[in-house]
Amino acid sequence: MKKSQAALLIVISLAIGSIAGYVSYSQLTARYVAATTACTIITQAVDNKLLTAEQVKELGTLTGQELNKSYASVASKLALTKAQVDAASPDSTCSQFLVGINQAK
């Protein structure tokens, strides 16, 4: 294999790898980061008595309404399936916040 062919192969491989990495990040990692951040904030608010556990789902609904209007790409990262919403633990502040986001109109 000539040096020019090897260089071209490396450039093509880097391009394909970059595209695959971007897709992977946007579909998997970004979703995990968004959910982890939201859950950490809500948990700290409840633990420090800034919110009651009963207010969490309502805050999720209000947050979901705003995200759907202004930040649809972020809202999509926090989307749950119907099965996940149905299985959400009523005792988990994180789960209830995400349920509220997904029930937002």
C-alpha atoms as a PDB file:
ATOM      1  CA  MET A   1       0.000   0.000   0.000  1.00  0.00           C
ATOM      2  CA  LYS A   2       1.361   3.400  -0.939  1.00  0.00           C
ATOM      3  CA  LYS A   3       1.763   6.190   1.572  1.00  0.00           C
ATOM      4  CA  SER A   4      -0.921   8.286  -0.135  1.00  0.00           C
ATOM      5  CA  GLN A   5      -3.403   5.405   0.044  1.00  0.00           C
ATOM      6  CA  ALA A   6      -2.601   4.862   3.716  1.00  0.00           C
ATOM      7  CA  ALA A   7      -3.051   8.578   4.445  1.00  0.00           C
ATOM      8  CA  LEU A   8      -6.377   8.615   2.606  1.00  0.00           C
ATOM      9  CA  LEU A   9      -7.520   5.539   4.534  1.00  0.00           C
ATOM     10  CA  ILE A  10      -6.606   7.240   7.823  1.00  0.00           C
ATOM     11  CA  VAL A  11      -8.495  10.418   6.888  1.00  0.00           C
ATOM     12  CA  ILE A  12     -11.588   8.429   5.871  1.00  0.00           C
ATOM     13  CA  SER A  13     -11.407   6.374   9.074  1.00  0.00           C
ATOM     14  CA  LEU A  14     -11.152   9.544  11.184  1.00  0.00           C
ATOM     15  CA  ALA A  15     -14.142  11.079   9.392  1.00  0.00           C
ATOM     16  CA  ILE A  16     -16.284   7.970   9.892  1.00  0.00           C
ATOM     17  CA  GLY A  17     -15.170   7.689  13.526  1.00  0.00           C
ATOM     18  CA  SER A  18     -16.005  11.333  14.178  1.00  0.00           C
ATOM     19  CA  ILE A  19     -19.489  10.925  12.736  1.00  0.00           C
ATOM     20  CA  ALA A  20     -20.089   7.762  14.759  1.00  0.00           C
ATOM     21  CA  GLY A  21     -18.832   9.478  17.906  1.00  0.00           C
ATOM     22  CA  TYR A  22     -21.100  12.469  17.369  1.00  0.00           C
ATOM     23  CA  VAL A  23     -24.156  10.283  16.835  1.00  0.00           C
ATOM     24  CA  SER A  24     -23.290   8.190  19.870  1.00  0.00           C
ATOM     25  CA  TYR A  25     -22.848  11.258  22.061  1.00  0.00           C
ATOM     26  CA  SER A  26     -26.000  12.979  20.880  1.00  0.00           C
ATOM     27  CA  GLN A  27     -28.154   9.897  21.334  1.00  0.00           C
ATOM     28  CA  LEU A  28     -26.717   8.257  24.446  1.00  0.00           C
ATOM     29  CA  THR A  29     -24.321  10.348  26.465  1.00  0.00           C
ATOM     30  CA  ALA A  30     -26.233  13.622  26.174  1.00  0.00           C
ATOM     31  CA  ARG A  31     -29.391  11.882  27.392  1.00  0.00           C
ATOM     32  CA  TYR A  32     -27.562  10.461  30.404  1.00  0.00           C
ATOM     33  CA  VAL A  33     -25.980  13.834  31.248  1.00  0.00           C
ATOM     34  CA  ALA A  34     -29.315  15.677  30.966  1.00  0.00           C
ATOM     35  CA  ALA A  35     -31.153  13.165  33.178  1.00  0.00           C
ATOM     36  CA  THR A  36     -28.353  13.015  35.753  1.00  0.00           C
ATOM     37  CA  THR A  37     -28.168  16.801  35.987  1.00  0.00           C
ATOM     38  CA  ALA A  38     -31.934  17.205  36.367  1.00  0.00           C
ATOM     39  CA  CYS A  39     -32.155  14.456  38.978  1.00  0.00           C
ATOM     40  CA  THR A  40     -29.261  15.848  41.001  1.00  0.00           C
ATOM     41  CA  ILE A  41     -30.824  19.312  41.105  1.00  0.00           C
ATOM     42  CA  ILE A  42     -34.235  17.987  42.151  1.00  0.00           C
ATOM     43  CA  THR A  43     -32.802  15.661  44.781  1.00  0.00           C
ATOM     44  CA  GLN A  44     -30.777  18.490  46.316  1.00  0.00           C
ATOM     45  CA  ALA A  45     -33.825  20.784  46.331  1.00  0.00           C
ATOM     46  CA  VAL A  46     -35.875  18.170  48.212  1.00  0.00           C
ATOM     47  CA  ASP A  47     -33.025  17.213  50.568  1.00  0.00           C
ATOM     48  CA  ASN A  48     -32.483  20.865  51.490  1.00  0.00           C
ATOM     49  CA  LYS A  49     -36.212  21.423  51.947  1.00  0.00           C
ATOM     50  CA  LEU A  50     -36.545  23.903  49.085  1.00  0.00           C
ATOM     51  CA  LEU A  51     -39.240  21.664  47.591  1.00  0.00           C
ATOM     52  CA  THR A  52     -41.529  19.070  49.057  1.00  0.00           C
ATOM     53  CA  ALA A  53     -41.717  15.650  47.454  1.00  0.00           C
ATOM     54  CA  GLU A  54     -45.287  16.481  46.419  1.00  0.00           C
ATOM     55  CA  GLN A  55     -44.125  19.543  44.447  1.00  0.00           C
ATOM     56  CA  VAL A  56     -41.574  17.631  42.371  1.00  0.00           C
ATOM     57  CA  LYS A  57     -43.995  16.207  39.780  1.00  0.00           C
ATOM     58  CA  GLU A  58     -45.672  19.606  39.341  1.00  0.00           C
ATOM     59  CA  LEU A  59     -42.277  21.244  38.848  1.00  0.00           C
ATOM     60  CA  GLY A  60     -41.481  18.552  36.278  1.00  0.00           C
ATOM     61  CA  THR A  61     -44.677  19.372  34.386  1.00  0.00           C
ATOM     62  CA  LEU A  62     -43.926  23.098  34.398  1.00  0.00           C
ATOM     63  CA  THR A  63     -40.335  22.435  33.355  1.00  0.00           C
ATOM     64  CA  GLY A  64     -41.507  20.126  30.583  1.00  0.00           C
ATOM     65  CA  GLN A  65     -43.861  22.796  29.233  1.00  0.00           C
ATOM     66  CA  GLU A  66     -41.032  25.321  29.034  1.00  0.00           C
ATOM     67  CA  LEU A  67     -38.561  22.824  27.580  1.00  0.00           C
ATOM     68  CA  ASN A  68     -41.044  21.775  24.903  1.00  0.00           C
ATOM     69  CA  LYS A  69     -41.549  25.417  23.896  1.00  0.00           C
ATOM     70  CA  SER A  70     -38.010  26.740  24.084  1.00  0.00           C
ATOM     71  CA  TYR A  71     -35.562  23.836  24.286  1.00  0.00           C
ATOM     72  CA  ALA A  72     -37.095  20.918  22.400  1.00  0.00           C
ATOM     73  CA  SER A  73     -33.722  19.221  21.922  1.00  0.00           C
ATOM     74  CA  VAL A  74     -33.207  19.095  25.706  1.00  0.00           C
ATOM     75  CA  ALA A  75     -36.772  17.897  26.260  1.00  0.00           C
ATOM     76  CA  SER A  76     -36.170  15.056  23.821  1.00  0.00           C
ATOM     77  CA  LYS A  77     -33.189  13.902  25.887  1.00  0.00           C
ATOM     78  CA  LEU A  78     -35.481  13.545  28.924  1.00  0.00           C
ATOM     79  CA  ALA A  79     -38.215  11.633  27.081  1.00  0.00           C
ATOM     80  CA  LEU A  80     -39.436   8.371  28.593  1.00  0.00           C
ATOM     81  CA  THR A  81     -41.444   5.577  27.045  1.00  0.00           C
ATOM     82  CA  LYS A  82     -44.977   4.913  28.303  1.00  0.00           C
ATOM     83  CA  ALA A  83     -43.708   1.757  30.003  1.00  0.00           C
ATOM     84  CA  GLN A  84     -41.034   3.771  31.829  1.00  0.00           C
ATOM     85  CA  VAL A  85     -43.592   6.357  32.956  1.00  0.00           C
ATOM     86  CA  ASP A  86     -45.923   3.608  34.174  1.00  0.00           C
ATOM     87  CA  ALA A  87     -43.079   1.893  36.057  1.00  0.00           C
ATOM     88  CA  ALA A  88     -41.746   5.080  37.682  1.00  0.00           C
ATOM     89  CA  SER A  89     -41.348   4.798  41.432  1.00  0.00           C
ATOM     90  CA  PRO A  90     -43.704   7.097  43.347  1.00  0.00           C
ATOM     91  CA  ASP A  91     -41.045   7.340  46.068  1.00  0.00           C
ATOM     92  CA  SER A  92     -38.278   8.570  43.762  1.00  0.00           C
ATOM     93  CA  THR A  93     -38.045  12.332  43.352  1.00  0.00           C
ATOM     94  CA  CYS A  94     -36.049  11.850  40.175  1.00  0.00           C
ATOM     95  CA  SER A  95     -38.618   9.497  38.661  1.00  0.00           C
ATOM     96  CA  GLN A  96     -41.509  11.780  39.544  1.00  0.00           C
ATOM     97  CA  PHE A  97     -39.737  14.819  38.075  1.00  0.00           C
ATOM     98  CA  LEU A  98     -39.126  12.959  34.802  1.00  0.00           C
ATOM     99  CA  VAL A  99     -42.735  11.743  34.782  1.00  0.00           C
ATOM    100  CA  GLY A 100     -43.880  15.345  35.176  1.00  0.00           C
ATOM    101  CA  ILE A 101     -41.678  16.426  32.257  1.00  0.00           C
ATOM    102  CA  ASN A 102     -43.131  13.666  30.089  1.00  0.00           C
ATOM    103  CA  GLN A 103     -46.716  14.530  31.006  1.00  0.00           C
ATOM    104  CA  ALA A 104     -46.278  18.187  30.034  1.00  0.00           C
ATOM    105  CA  LYS A 105     -48.426  19.439  27.198  1.00  0.00           C
END
